[in-house]
Amino acid sequence: MKFCRNCGTQLEDNAAFCPACGTATSAQQEAAQQPAQQAAAQQPAQQAAPPQTDFVQPQVDSAAADAQQNRGIAWLAYMGLLLLVPLFARKRSEYCKFHVKQGATLCAVEIVYYITQAIVMAIVKAIFPGHIAYGYFTYYYQDSAATIIFRLLFGAGSIFLLVLAIMGIVNAATGKQKKLPLIGQIPFIEMLMDKIYAALNK
């Protein structure tokens, strides 16, 4: 047995409304309120969900950024002792490290080459001495044929080293990491430079 909560009229057990005043019973009211409560519970979850989008954030190429930022100084690695500038000024740059290692290899090859040239030319001149020749108005020293041939050969080698230096400068200034032909694969200098970089970056 139940009664109307508004006027107190006695109601049937299955009555949905009061026959006297028309007020909905408590069961009918709860049934009407359930959809509204479910909608209110779902609304915060829908608002909290992040909006979906097909946009993908592009990743920054750190190697390309390193080359772009340091190519203006990396080319100094192929200018003899000027390689010390990128070595100390950009010691944490992998791009400069690559070109400093290549420049150090070229510098070491040049030192060995010109020392060898001086020794060989001295030996050649001792074995094949020149002679005094007479010009139009004076005497002058004439090199032997062997001395001239060796001088031409070493001159060609010097031009080759100059070409390698120009190639390295162009590669470094344009953001490329290419090893020098023939001498770029020498491991001894690279291992030595790795130890120097490890000491500088401690």
N, C-alpha and C. Protein backbone atom coordinates (compact mmCIF):
# COMPACT_ATOMS: atom_id res chain seq x y z
N MET A 1 0.86 -1.19 0.00
CA MET A 1 0.00 0.00 0.00
C MET A 1 0.90 1.24 0.00
N LYS A 2 0.59 2.20 -0.91
CA LYS A 2 1.35 3.44 -0.95
C LYS A 2 0.41 4.61 -1.11
N PHE A 3 0.92 5.78 -0.81
CA PHE A 3 0.11 7.01 -0.83
C PHE A 3 0.79 8.06 -1.69
N CYS A 4 -0.03 8.99 -2.21
CA CYS A 4 0.51 10.10 -3.02
C CYS A 4 1.32 11.03 -2.13
N ARG A 5 2.53 11.37 -2.58
CA ARG A 5 3.40 12.22 -1.79
C ARG A 5 2.97 13.69 -1.85
N ASN A 6 1.94 14.00 -2.70
CA ASN A 6 1.50 15.39 -2.81
C ASN A 6 0.21 15.65 -2.01
N CYS A 7 -0.78 14.74 -2.20
CA CYS A 7 -2.06 14.98 -1.53
C CYS A 7 -2.42 13.91 -0.50
N GLY A 8 -1.67 12.79 -0.47
CA GLY A 8 -1.90 11.75 0.52
C GLY A 8 -2.96 10.75 0.14
N THR A 9 -3.47 10.79 -1.08
CA THR A 9 -4.50 9.85 -1.53
C THR A 9 -3.90 8.46 -1.62
N GLN A 10 -4.68 7.45 -1.18
CA GLN A 10 -4.22 6.08 -1.25
C GLN A 10 -4.15 5.64 -2.71
N LEU A 11 -3.05 4.94 -3.10
CA LEU A 11 -2.80 4.55 -4.48
C LEU A 11 -2.70 3.04 -4.60
N GLU A 12 -2.99 2.56 -5.80
CA GLU A 12 -2.76 1.16 -6.10
C GLU A 12 -1.23 0.91 -6.20
N ASP A 13 -0.86 -0.35 -6.02
CA ASP A 13 0.57 -0.66 -6.04
C ASP A 13 1.20 -0.39 -7.41
N ASN A 14 0.44 -0.59 -8.48
CA ASN A 14 0.99 -0.41 -9.82
C ASN A 14 0.61 0.93 -10.44
N ALA A 15 0.08 1.87 -9.63
CA ALA A 15 -0.35 3.18 -10.16
C ALA A 15 0.85 4.03 -10.50
N ALA A 16 0.80 4.66 -11.71
CA ALA A 16 1.88 5.53 -12.15
C ALA A 16 1.61 6.98 -11.77
N PHE A 17 0.27 7.36 -11.63
CA PHE A 17 -0.09 8.73 -11.29
C PHE A 17 -1.19 8.71 -10.25
N CYS A 18 -1.25 9.77 -9.50
CA CYS A 18 -2.31 9.91 -8.49
C CYS A 18 -3.63 10.24 -9.18
N PRO A 19 -4.72 9.48 -8.90
CA PRO A 19 -6.01 9.77 -9.55
C PRO A 19 -6.62 11.08 -9.07
N ALA A 20 -6.19 11.60 -7.92
CA ALA A 20 -6.77 12.81 -7.38
C ALA A 20 -6.09 14.07 -7.90
N CYS A 21 -4.77 14.11 -7.85
CA CYS A 21 -4.04 15.34 -8.25
C CYS A 21 -3.17 15.17 -9.47
N GLY A 22 -2.95 13.91 -9.93
CA GLY A 22 -2.17 13.67 -11.15
C GLY A 22 -0.68 13.66 -10.94
N THR A 23 -0.20 13.69 -9.71
CA THR A 23 1.23 13.68 -9.45
C THR A 23 1.81 12.31 -9.75
N ALA A 24 2.99 12.27 -10.39
CA ALA A 24 3.64 10.99 -10.71
C ALA A 24 4.12 10.34 -9.44
N THR A 25 3.99 9.00 -9.43
CA THR A 25 4.49 8.27 -8.28
C THR A 25 6.02 8.28 -8.27
N SER A 26 6.62 7.86 -7.16
CA SER A 26 8.08 7.88 -7.03
C SER A 26 8.75 6.97 -8.04
N ALA A 27 8.16 5.79 -8.35
CA ALA A 27 8.75 4.86 -9.32
C ALA A 27 8.76 5.47 -10.71
N GLN A 28 7.66 6.14 -11.09
CA GLN A 28 7.59 6.78 -12.41
C GLN A 28 8.59 7.92 -12.52
N GLN A 29 8.76 8.66 -11.43
CA GLN A 29 9.68 9.80 -11.43
C GLN A 29 11.13 9.32 -11.57
N GLU A 30 11.46 8.23 -10.85
CA GLU A 30 12.82 7.70 -10.95
C GLU A 30 13.11 7.20 -12.35
N ALA A 31 12.10 6.56 -13.00
CA ALA A 31 12.28 6.07 -14.37
C ALA A 31 12.50 7.21 -15.35
N ALA A 32 11.82 8.35 -15.09
CA ALA A 32 11.99 9.51 -15.98
C ALA A 32 13.33 10.20 -15.78
N GLN A 33 13.86 10.12 -14.55
CA GLN A 33 15.12 10.80 -14.26
C GLN A 33 16.35 10.01 -14.71
N GLN A 34 16.24 8.68 -14.89
CA GLN A 34 17.40 7.86 -15.25
C GLN A 34 18.04 8.27 -16.58
N PRO A 35 17.30 8.52 -17.68
CA PRO A 35 17.99 8.95 -18.92
C PRO A 35 18.76 10.26 -18.75
N ALA A 36 18.18 11.19 -17.97
CA ALA A 36 18.88 12.46 -17.76
C ALA A 36 20.16 12.28 -16.96
N GLN A 37 20.11 11.39 -15.96
CA GLN A 37 21.31 11.14 -15.16
C GLN A 37 22.40 10.45 -15.98
N GLN A 38 21.98 9.51 -16.86
CA GLN A 38 22.96 8.83 -17.70
C GLN A 38 23.60 9.80 -18.69
N ALA A 39 22.82 10.72 -19.23
CA ALA A 39 23.38 11.72 -20.15
C ALA A 39 24.34 12.65 -19.45
N ALA A 40 24.00 13.03 -18.19
CA ALA A 40 24.90 13.91 -17.44
C ALA A 40 26.20 13.20 -17.08
N ALA A 41 26.15 11.88 -16.85
CA ALA A 41 27.36 11.13 -16.51
C ALA A 41 28.28 10.97 -17.73
N GLN A 42 27.67 10.86 -18.93
CA GLN A 42 28.47 10.69 -20.14
C GLN A 42 29.05 11.99 -20.66
N GLN A 43 28.44 13.10 -20.33
CA GLN A 43 28.88 14.39 -20.87
C GLN A 43 30.30 14.77 -20.47
N PRO A 44 30.75 14.65 -19.20
CA PRO A 44 32.14 15.00 -18.85
C PRO A 44 33.15 14.12 -19.56
N ALA A 45 32.80 12.83 -19.74
CA ALA A 45 33.74 11.94 -20.42
C ALA A 45 33.92 12.35 -21.86
N GLN A 46 32.83 12.77 -22.51
CA GLN A 46 32.93 13.23 -23.89
C GLN A 46 33.72 14.52 -24.00
N GLN A 47 33.57 15.41 -23.05
CA GLN A 47 34.30 16.67 -23.07
C GLN A 47 35.79 16.45 -22.80
N ALA A 48 36.12 15.45 -21.95
CA ALA A 48 37.51 15.23 -21.59
C ALA A 48 38.30 14.54 -22.70
N ALA A 49 37.60 13.85 -23.63
CA ALA A 49 38.31 13.14 -24.70
C ALA A 49 38.98 14.15 -25.62
N PRO A 50 40.26 13.98 -25.94
CA PRO A 50 40.97 14.92 -26.80
C PRO A 50 40.47 14.81 -28.23
N PRO A 51 40.44 15.89 -28.95
CA PRO A 51 39.99 15.86 -30.34
C PRO A 51 40.97 15.06 -31.20
N GLN A 52 40.44 14.25 -32.10
CA GLN A 52 41.27 13.45 -32.99
C GLN A 52 41.66 14.28 -34.21
N THR A 53 42.87 14.08 -34.65
CA THR A 53 43.36 14.81 -35.81
C THR A 53 44.32 13.94 -36.59
N ASP A 54 44.40 14.15 -37.87
CA ASP A 54 45.29 13.39 -38.74
C ASP A 54 46.66 14.04 -38.88
N PHE A 55 46.87 15.22 -38.27
CA PHE A 55 48.15 15.92 -38.39
C PHE A 55 49.23 15.21 -37.59
N VAL A 56 50.38 14.99 -38.19
CA VAL A 56 51.52 14.35 -37.55
C VAL A 56 52.64 15.38 -37.44
N GLN A 57 53.15 15.58 -36.24
CA GLN A 57 54.22 16.54 -36.02
C GLN A 57 55.51 16.04 -36.69
N PRO A 58 56.08 16.79 -37.62
CA PRO A 58 57.30 16.31 -38.28
C PRO A 58 58.47 16.28 -37.32
N GLN A 59 59.33 15.28 -37.46
CA GLN A 59 60.51 15.15 -36.62
C GLN A 59 61.65 15.98 -37.19
N VAL A 60 62.40 16.61 -36.32
CA VAL A 60 63.52 17.44 -36.74
C VAL A 60 64.74 16.56 -36.98
N ASP A 61 65.35 16.70 -38.17
CA ASP A 61 66.55 15.94 -38.51
C ASP A 61 67.73 16.63 -37.87
N SER A 62 68.22 16.05 -36.77
CA SER A 62 69.30 16.69 -36.02
C SER A 62 70.59 16.74 -36.83
N ALA A 63 70.85 15.72 -37.66
CA ALA A 63 72.07 15.71 -38.47
C ALA A 63 72.05 16.83 -39.49
N ALA A 64 70.90 17.03 -40.14
CA ALA A 64 70.80 18.12 -41.12
C ALA A 64 70.91 19.48 -40.44
N ALA A 65 70.32 19.60 -39.25
CA ALA A 65 70.42 20.87 -38.52
C ALA A 65 71.85 21.14 -38.09
N ASP A 66 72.56 20.10 -37.70
CA ASP A 66 73.97 20.23 -37.31
C ASP A 66 74.81 20.71 -38.49
N ALA A 67 74.58 20.10 -39.67
CA ALA A 67 75.33 20.50 -40.86
C ALA A 67 75.01 21.93 -41.26
N GLN A 68 73.72 22.29 -41.19
CA GLN A 68 73.32 23.64 -41.58
C GLN A 68 73.91 24.69 -40.65
N GLN A 69 74.00 24.36 -39.38
CA GLN A 69 74.48 25.33 -38.39
C GLN A 69 75.99 25.48 -38.41
N ASN A 70 76.72 24.42 -38.73
CA ASN A 70 78.18 24.44 -38.58
C ASN A 70 78.97 24.37 -39.88
N ARG A 71 78.30 24.39 -41.01
CA ARG A 71 79.04 24.31 -42.26
C ARG A 71 79.87 25.56 -42.54
N GLY A 72 79.50 26.67 -41.92
CA GLY A 72 80.26 27.90 -42.12
C GLY A 72 81.62 27.90 -41.45
N ILE A 73 81.85 26.96 -40.54
CA ILE A 73 83.14 26.88 -39.85
C ILE A 73 83.85 25.55 -40.13
N ALA A 74 83.10 24.55 -40.57
CA ALA A 74 83.68 23.22 -40.77
C ALA A 74 84.71 23.20 -41.89
N TRP A 75 84.56 24.05 -42.90
CA TRP A 75 85.48 24.03 -44.03
C TRP A 75 86.89 24.44 -43.64
N LEU A 76 87.06 25.10 -42.50
CA LEU A 76 88.40 25.46 -42.03
C LEU A 76 89.24 24.23 -41.69
N ALA A 77 88.60 23.08 -41.55
CA ALA A 77 89.34 21.85 -41.23
C ALA A 77 90.30 21.46 -42.34
N TYR A 78 90.10 21.97 -43.55
CA TYR A 78 90.96 21.61 -44.67
C TYR A 78 91.99 22.70 -44.98
N MET A 79 92.19 23.60 -44.03
CA MET A 79 93.13 24.70 -44.22
C MET A 79 94.34 24.54 -43.30
N GLY A 80 94.88 23.34 -43.19
CA GLY A 80 96.07 23.11 -42.38
C GLY A 80 95.78 23.24 -40.90
N LEU A 81 96.58 24.04 -40.21
CA LEU A 81 96.43 24.19 -38.76
C LEU A 81 95.15 24.93 -38.36
N LEU A 82 94.46 25.53 -39.33
CA LEU A 82 93.18 26.18 -39.01
C LEU A 82 92.11 25.17 -38.61
N LEU A 83 92.38 23.88 -38.77
CA LEU A 83 91.43 22.87 -38.30
C LEU A 83 91.25 22.93 -36.79
N LEU A 84 92.17 23.59 -36.09
CA LEU A 84 92.02 23.75 -34.64
C LEU A 84 90.81 24.62 -34.29
N VAL A 85 90.39 25.49 -35.22
CA VAL A 85 89.24 26.37 -34.95
C VAL A 85 87.96 25.56 -34.78
N PRO A 86 87.55 24.75 -35.78
CA PRO A 86 86.34 23.93 -35.55
C PRO A 86 86.55 22.85 -34.50
N LEU A 87 87.79 22.40 -34.31
CA LEU A 87 88.06 21.37 -33.31
C LEU A 87 87.69 21.86 -31.92
N PHE A 88 88.07 23.08 -31.56
CA PHE A 88 87.80 23.59 -30.21
C PHE A 88 86.49 24.39 -30.15
N ALA A 89 86.14 25.09 -31.22
CA ALA A 89 84.94 25.92 -31.19
C ALA A 89 83.66 25.10 -31.32
N ARG A 90 83.70 23.97 -32.01
CA ARG A 90 82.52 23.12 -32.21
C ARG A 90 82.84 21.67 -31.85
N LYS A 91 83.39 21.49 -30.67
CA LYS A 91 83.87 20.17 -30.27
C LYS A 91 82.75 19.16 -30.05
N ARG A 92 81.51 19.60 -29.91
CA ARG A 92 80.39 18.67 -29.71
C ARG A 92 79.58 18.46 -30.99
N SER A 93 80.00 19.06 -32.07
CA SER A 93 79.30 18.91 -33.34
C SER A 93 79.81 17.68 -34.08
N GLU A 94 78.94 16.75 -34.39
CA GLU A 94 79.33 15.56 -35.14
C GLU A 94 79.71 15.92 -36.57
N TYR A 95 79.08 16.95 -37.11
CA TYR A 95 79.40 17.38 -38.48
C TYR A 95 80.82 17.93 -38.54
N CYS A 96 81.18 18.80 -37.60
CA CYS A 96 82.53 19.34 -37.56
C CYS A 96 83.54 18.23 -37.24
N LYS A 97 83.15 17.31 -36.39
CA LYS A 97 84.05 16.21 -36.03
C LYS A 97 84.43 15.40 -37.26
N PHE A 98 83.45 15.12 -38.12
CA PHE A 98 83.73 14.36 -39.35
C PHE A 98 84.74 15.09 -40.22
N HIS A 99 84.53 16.39 -40.44
CA HIS A 99 85.42 17.14 -41.33
C HIS A 99 86.78 17.43 -40.68
N VAL A 100 86.81 17.58 -39.38
CA VAL A 100 88.09 17.76 -38.70
C VAL A 100 88.94 16.50 -38.84
N LYS A 101 88.31 15.34 -38.73
CA LYS A 101 89.04 14.08 -38.90
C LYS A 101 89.57 13.93 -40.33
N GLN A 102 88.75 14.34 -41.31
CA GLN A 102 89.22 14.29 -42.70
C GLN A 102 90.32 15.32 -42.95
N GLY A 103 90.15 16.51 -42.39
CA GLY A 103 91.17 17.54 -42.55
C GLY A 103 92.48 17.17 -41.87
N ALA A 104 92.40 16.55 -40.71
CA ALA A 104 93.60 16.10 -40.01
C ALA A 104 94.32 15.02 -40.80
N THR A 105 93.56 14.14 -41.43
CA THR A 105 94.17 13.11 -42.28
C THR A 105 94.90 13.75 -43.46
N LEU A 106 94.24 14.73 -44.10
CA LEU A 106 94.89 15.43 -45.22
C LEU A 106 96.14 16.16 -44.76
N CYS A 107 96.07 16.80 -43.62
CA CYS A 107 97.23 17.54 -43.10
C CYS A 107 98.39 16.59 -42.81
N ALA A 108 98.10 15.44 -42.22
CA ALA A 108 99.15 14.46 -41.93
C ALA A 108 99.78 13.92 -43.21
N VAL A 109 98.95 13.66 -44.22
CA VAL A 109 99.47 13.18 -45.50
C VAL A 109 100.36 14.24 -46.15
N GLU A 110 99.95 15.50 -46.07
CA GLU A 110 100.76 16.58 -46.65
C GLU A 110 102.11 16.70 -45.95
N ILE A 111 102.13 16.59 -44.64
CA ILE A 111 103.40 16.68 -43.90
C ILE A 111 104.33 15.55 -44.32
N VAL A 112 103.82 14.33 -44.35
CA VAL A 112 104.64 13.18 -44.76
C VAL A 112 105.09 13.34 -46.21
N TYR A 113 104.19 13.84 -47.05
CA TYR A 113 104.51 13.99 -48.48
C TYR A 113 105.66 14.99 -48.69
N TYR A 114 105.57 16.15 -48.07
CA TYR A 114 106.59 17.17 -48.31
C TYR A 114 107.92 16.83 -47.64
N ILE A 115 107.89 16.12 -46.53
CA ILE A 115 109.15 15.64 -45.94
C ILE A 115 109.80 14.62 -46.87
N THR A 116 108.98 13.71 -47.40
CA THR A 116 109.50 12.72 -48.35
C THR A 116 110.05 13.41 -49.60
N GLN A 117 109.36 14.41 -50.07
CA GLN A 117 109.82 15.15 -51.25
C GLN A 117 111.19 15.78 -51.01
N ALA A 118 111.37 16.40 -49.86
CA ALA A 118 112.65 17.05 -49.57
C ALA A 118 113.78 16.03 -49.51
N ILE A 119 113.51 14.89 -48.88
CA ILE A 119 114.55 13.86 -48.76
C ILE A 119 114.90 13.27 -50.12
N VAL A 120 113.89 12.92 -50.90
CA VAL A 120 114.12 12.31 -52.21
C VAL A 120 114.84 13.28 -53.15
N MET A 121 114.42 14.54 -53.15
CA MET A 121 115.07 15.51 -54.04
C MET A 121 116.53 15.74 -53.65
N ALA A 122 116.81 15.71 -52.36
CA ALA A 122 118.21 15.86 -51.92
C ALA A 122 119.05 14.68 -52.39
N ILE A 123 118.48 13.47 -52.31
CA ILE A 123 119.21 12.28 -52.77
C ILE A 123 119.42 12.32 -54.28
N VAL A 124 118.39 12.70 -55.02
CA VAL A 124 118.49 12.75 -56.49
C VAL A 124 119.54 13.76 -56.93
N LYS A 125 119.55 14.91 -56.28
CA LYS A 125 120.54 15.93 -56.65
C LYS A 125 121.96 15.48 -56.31
N ALA A 126 122.08 14.68 -55.25
CA ALA A 126 123.41 14.17 -54.89
C ALA A 126 123.89 13.12 -55.88
N ILE A 127 122.97 12.28 -56.35
CA ILE A 127 123.36 11.23 -57.29
C ILE A 127 123.50 11.77 -58.71
N PHE A 128 122.58 12.65 -59.07
CA PHE A 128 122.60 13.22 -60.43
C PHE A 128 122.78 14.74 -60.33
N PRO A 129 123.99 15.16 -60.08
CA PRO A 129 124.23 16.61 -59.96
C PRO A 129 124.07 17.31 -61.30
N GLY A 130 123.74 18.58 -61.18
CA GLY A 130 123.61 19.38 -62.39
C GLY A 130 124.97 19.88 -62.86
N HIS A 131 124.95 20.84 -63.74
CA HIS A 131 126.19 21.39 -64.27
C HIS A 131 126.01 22.88 -64.55
N ILE A 132 127.11 23.51 -64.69
CA ILE A 132 127.10 24.94 -64.99
C ILE A 132 126.92 25.12 -66.49
N ALA A 133 125.90 25.90 -66.81
CA ALA A 133 125.62 26.18 -68.22
C ALA A 133 125.83 27.67 -68.50
N TYR A 134 126.07 27.98 -69.76
CA TYR A 134 126.35 29.36 -70.14
C TYR A 134 125.14 29.94 -70.86
N GLY A 135 124.68 31.07 -70.40
CA GLY A 135 123.58 31.75 -71.04
C GLY A 135 124.06 32.81 -71.98
N TYR A 136 123.22 33.77 -72.28
CA TYR A 136 123.59 34.83 -73.20
C TYR A 136 124.65 35.74 -72.60
N PHE A 137 124.48 36.05 -71.31
CA PHE A 137 125.41 36.99 -70.71
C PHE A 137 126.03 36.49 -69.42
N THR A 138 125.57 35.32 -68.93
CA THR A 138 126.09 34.85 -67.65
C THR A 138 126.03 33.34 -67.57
N TYR A 139 126.59 32.78 -66.53
CA TYR A 139 126.52 31.35 -66.26
C TYR A 139 125.37 31.07 -65.28
N TYR A 140 124.80 29.89 -65.38
CA TYR A 140 123.73 29.49 -64.45
C TYR A 140 123.81 27.99 -64.22
N TYR A 141 123.15 27.55 -63.14
CA TYR A 141 123.19 26.13 -62.77
C TYR A 141 122.07 25.39 -63.49
N GLN A 142 122.41 24.35 -64.18
CA GLN A 142 121.43 23.54 -64.93
C GLN A 142 121.20 22.23 -64.20
N ASP A 143 119.92 21.97 -63.79
CA ASP A 143 119.59 20.70 -63.13
C ASP A 143 119.72 19.54 -64.09
N SER A 144 119.97 18.37 -63.53
CA SER A 144 120.05 17.17 -64.34
C SER A 144 118.65 16.75 -64.79
N ALA A 145 118.58 15.87 -65.77
CA ALA A 145 117.28 15.40 -66.28
C ALA A 145 116.51 14.64 -65.19
N ALA A 146 117.23 13.85 -64.37
CA ALA A 146 116.56 13.11 -63.29
C ALA A 146 115.94 14.06 -62.28
N THR A 147 116.65 15.14 -61.96
CA THR A 147 116.12 16.12 -61.01
C THR A 147 114.85 16.77 -61.55
N ILE A 148 114.84 17.09 -62.83
CA ILE A 148 113.66 17.72 -63.46
C ILE A 148 112.47 16.77 -63.45
N ILE A 149 112.73 15.48 -63.75
CA ILE A 149 111.63 14.50 -63.78
C ILE A 149 111.01 14.33 -62.39
N PHE A 150 111.85 14.20 -61.37
CA PHE A 150 111.33 14.04 -60.01
C PHE A 150 110.59 15.30 -59.55
N ARG A 151 111.09 16.44 -59.96
CA ARG A 151 110.40 17.68 -59.59
C ARG A 151 109.02 17.75 -60.22
N LEU A 152 108.88 17.30 -61.45
CA LEU A 152 107.58 17.28 -62.11
C LEU A 152 106.63 16.28 -61.44
N LEU A 153 107.17 15.12 -61.05
CA LEU A 153 106.33 14.12 -60.37
C LEU A 153 105.82 14.63 -59.04
N PHE A 154 106.70 15.22 -58.26
CA PHE A 154 106.27 15.76 -56.97
C PHE A 154 105.33 16.96 -57.15
N GLY A 155 105.52 17.70 -58.23
CA GLY A 155 104.60 18.79 -58.52
C GLY A 155 103.19 18.30 -58.80
N ALA A 156 103.09 17.17 -59.53
CA ALA A 156 101.78 16.57 -59.79
C ALA A 156 101.13 16.10 -58.49
N GLY A 157 101.96 15.55 -57.60
CA GLY A 157 101.42 15.12 -56.30
C GLY A 157 100.91 16.30 -55.48
N SER A 158 101.60 17.43 -55.56
CA SER A 158 101.16 18.63 -54.83
C SER A 158 99.82 19.13 -55.38
N ILE A 159 99.66 19.06 -56.69
CA ILE A 159 98.38 19.47 -57.30
C ILE A 159 97.26 18.54 -56.83
N PHE A 160 97.55 17.25 -56.73
CA PHE A 160 96.55 16.29 -56.27
C PHE A 160 96.10 16.60 -54.84
N LEU A 161 97.05 16.92 -53.98
CA LEU A 161 96.70 17.27 -52.60
C LEU A 161 95.89 18.55 -52.55
N LEU A 162 96.20 19.50 -53.43
CA LEU A 162 95.43 20.74 -53.49
C LEU A 162 93.99 20.46 -53.92
N VAL A 163 93.82 19.56 -54.88
CA VAL A 163 92.47 19.19 -55.33
C VAL A 163 91.69 18.54 -54.19
N LEU A 164 92.35 17.69 -53.41
CA LEU A 164 91.68 17.06 -52.27
C LEU A 164 91.22 18.11 -51.25
N ALA A 165 92.06 19.10 -51.01
CA ALA A 165 91.70 20.16 -50.07
C ALA A 165 90.49 20.94 -50.58
N ILE A 166 90.46 21.24 -51.88
CA ILE A 166 89.32 21.97 -52.45
C ILE A 166 88.04 21.13 -52.36
N MET A 167 88.16 19.83 -52.62
CA MET A 167 86.98 18.95 -52.50
C MET A 167 86.45 18.94 -51.07
N GLY A 168 87.36 18.86 -50.11
CA GLY A 168 86.93 18.88 -48.71
C GLY A 168 86.26 20.18 -48.33
N ILE A 169 86.80 21.30 -48.80
CA ILE A 169 86.21 22.61 -48.49
C ILE A 169 84.81 22.71 -49.07
N VAL A 170 84.65 22.27 -50.32
CA VAL A 170 83.33 22.34 -50.97
C VAL A 170 82.33 21.45 -50.24
N ASN A 171 82.74 20.24 -49.87
CA ASN A 171 81.83 19.33 -49.16
C ASN A 171 81.40 19.93 -47.82
N ALA A 172 82.36 20.46 -47.08
CA ALA A 172 82.04 21.01 -45.75
C ALA A 172 81.16 22.24 -45.86
N ALA A 173 81.39 23.08 -46.87
CA ALA A 173 80.63 24.33 -47.00
C ALA A 173 79.22 24.10 -47.54
N THR A 174 78.98 22.96 -48.16
CA THR A 174 77.66 22.67 -48.73
C THR A 174 76.87 21.65 -47.91
N GLY A 175 77.36 21.30 -46.73
CA GLY A 175 76.61 20.41 -45.84
C GLY A 175 76.72 18.93 -46.17
N LYS A 176 77.79 18.52 -46.88
CA LYS A 176 77.95 17.12 -47.24
C LYS A 176 79.02 16.45 -46.37
N GLN A 177 78.82 15.19 -46.08
CA GLN A 177 79.79 14.40 -45.33
C GLN A 177 80.32 13.29 -46.24
N LYS A 178 81.33 13.63 -47.01
CA LYS A 178 81.95 12.68 -47.94
C LYS A 178 83.43 12.56 -47.60
N LYS A 179 83.91 11.33 -47.54
CA LYS A 179 85.32 11.11 -47.27
C LYS A 179 86.15 11.42 -48.51
N LEU A 180 87.37 11.89 -48.28
CA LEU A 180 88.26 12.23 -49.38
C LEU A 180 88.70 10.97 -50.12
N PRO A 181 88.88 11.04 -51.44
CA PRO A 181 89.35 9.87 -52.19
C PRO A 181 90.74 9.43 -51.75
N LEU A 182 90.96 8.15 -51.73
CA LEU A 182 92.25 7.51 -51.45
C LEU A 182 92.68 7.65 -49.99
N ILE A 183 92.75 8.87 -49.48
CA ILE A 183 93.29 9.06 -48.13
C ILE A 183 92.22 9.11 -47.06
N GLY A 184 90.95 9.22 -47.45
CA GLY A 184 89.89 9.38 -46.46
C GLY A 184 89.62 8.16 -45.61
N GLN A 185 90.16 7.01 -46.01
CA GLN A 185 89.92 5.76 -45.29
C GLN A 185 91.06 5.39 -44.34
N ILE A 186 92.08 6.26 -44.20
CA ILE A 186 93.20 5.95 -43.32
C ILE A 186 92.71 5.91 -41.87
N PRO A 187 92.82 4.77 -41.17
CA PRO A 187 92.20 4.65 -39.83
C PRO A 187 93.03 5.27 -38.72
N PHE A 188 94.34 5.38 -38.91
CA PHE A 188 95.20 5.80 -37.81
C PHE A 188 94.84 7.21 -37.33
N ILE A 189 94.71 8.14 -38.25
CA ILE A 189 94.41 9.53 -37.87
C ILE A 189 93.02 9.63 -37.25
N GLU A 190 92.06 8.88 -37.79
CA GLU A 190 90.70 8.93 -37.24
C GLU A 190 90.68 8.42 -35.79
N MET A 191 91.40 7.36 -35.52
CA MET A 191 91.44 6.85 -34.14
C MET A 191 92.11 7.86 -33.20
N LEU A 192 93.14 8.51 -33.69
CA LEU A 192 93.80 9.53 -32.88
C LEU A 192 92.87 10.70 -32.59
N MET A 193 92.12 11.14 -33.60
CA MET A 193 91.19 12.25 -33.41
C MET A 193 90.04 11.85 -32.50
N ASP A 194 89.61 10.60 -32.54
CA ASP A 194 88.56 10.14 -31.61
C ASP A 194 89.02 10.25 -30.16
N LYS A 195 90.28 9.93 -29.92
CA LYS A 195 90.82 10.05 -28.56
C LYS A 195 90.90 11.52 -28.14
N ILE A 196 91.26 12.39 -29.09
CA ILE A 196 91.33 13.83 -28.77
C ILE A 196 89.94 14.36 -28.45
N TYR A 197 88.95 13.99 -29.23
CA TYR A 197 87.57 14.44 -28.98
C TYR A 197 87.06 13.90 -27.65
N ALA A 198 87.40 12.67 -27.34
CA ALA A 198 86.96 12.09 -26.06
C ALA A 198 87.56 12.86 -24.89
N ALA A 199 88.80 13.31 -25.04
CA ALA A 199 89.43 14.09 -23.96
C ALA A 199 88.82 15.49 -23.85
N LEU A 200 88.47 16.09 -25.00
CA LEU A 200 87.90 17.44 -24.97
C LEU A 200 86.46 17.46 -24.41
N ASN A 201 85.72 16.40 -24.62
CA ASN A 201 84.32 16.37 -24.21
C ASN A 201 84.09 15.75 -22.84
N LYS A 202 85.15 15.54 -22.08
CA LYS A 202 84.98 15.02 -20.72
C LYS A 202 84.33 16.08 -19.81
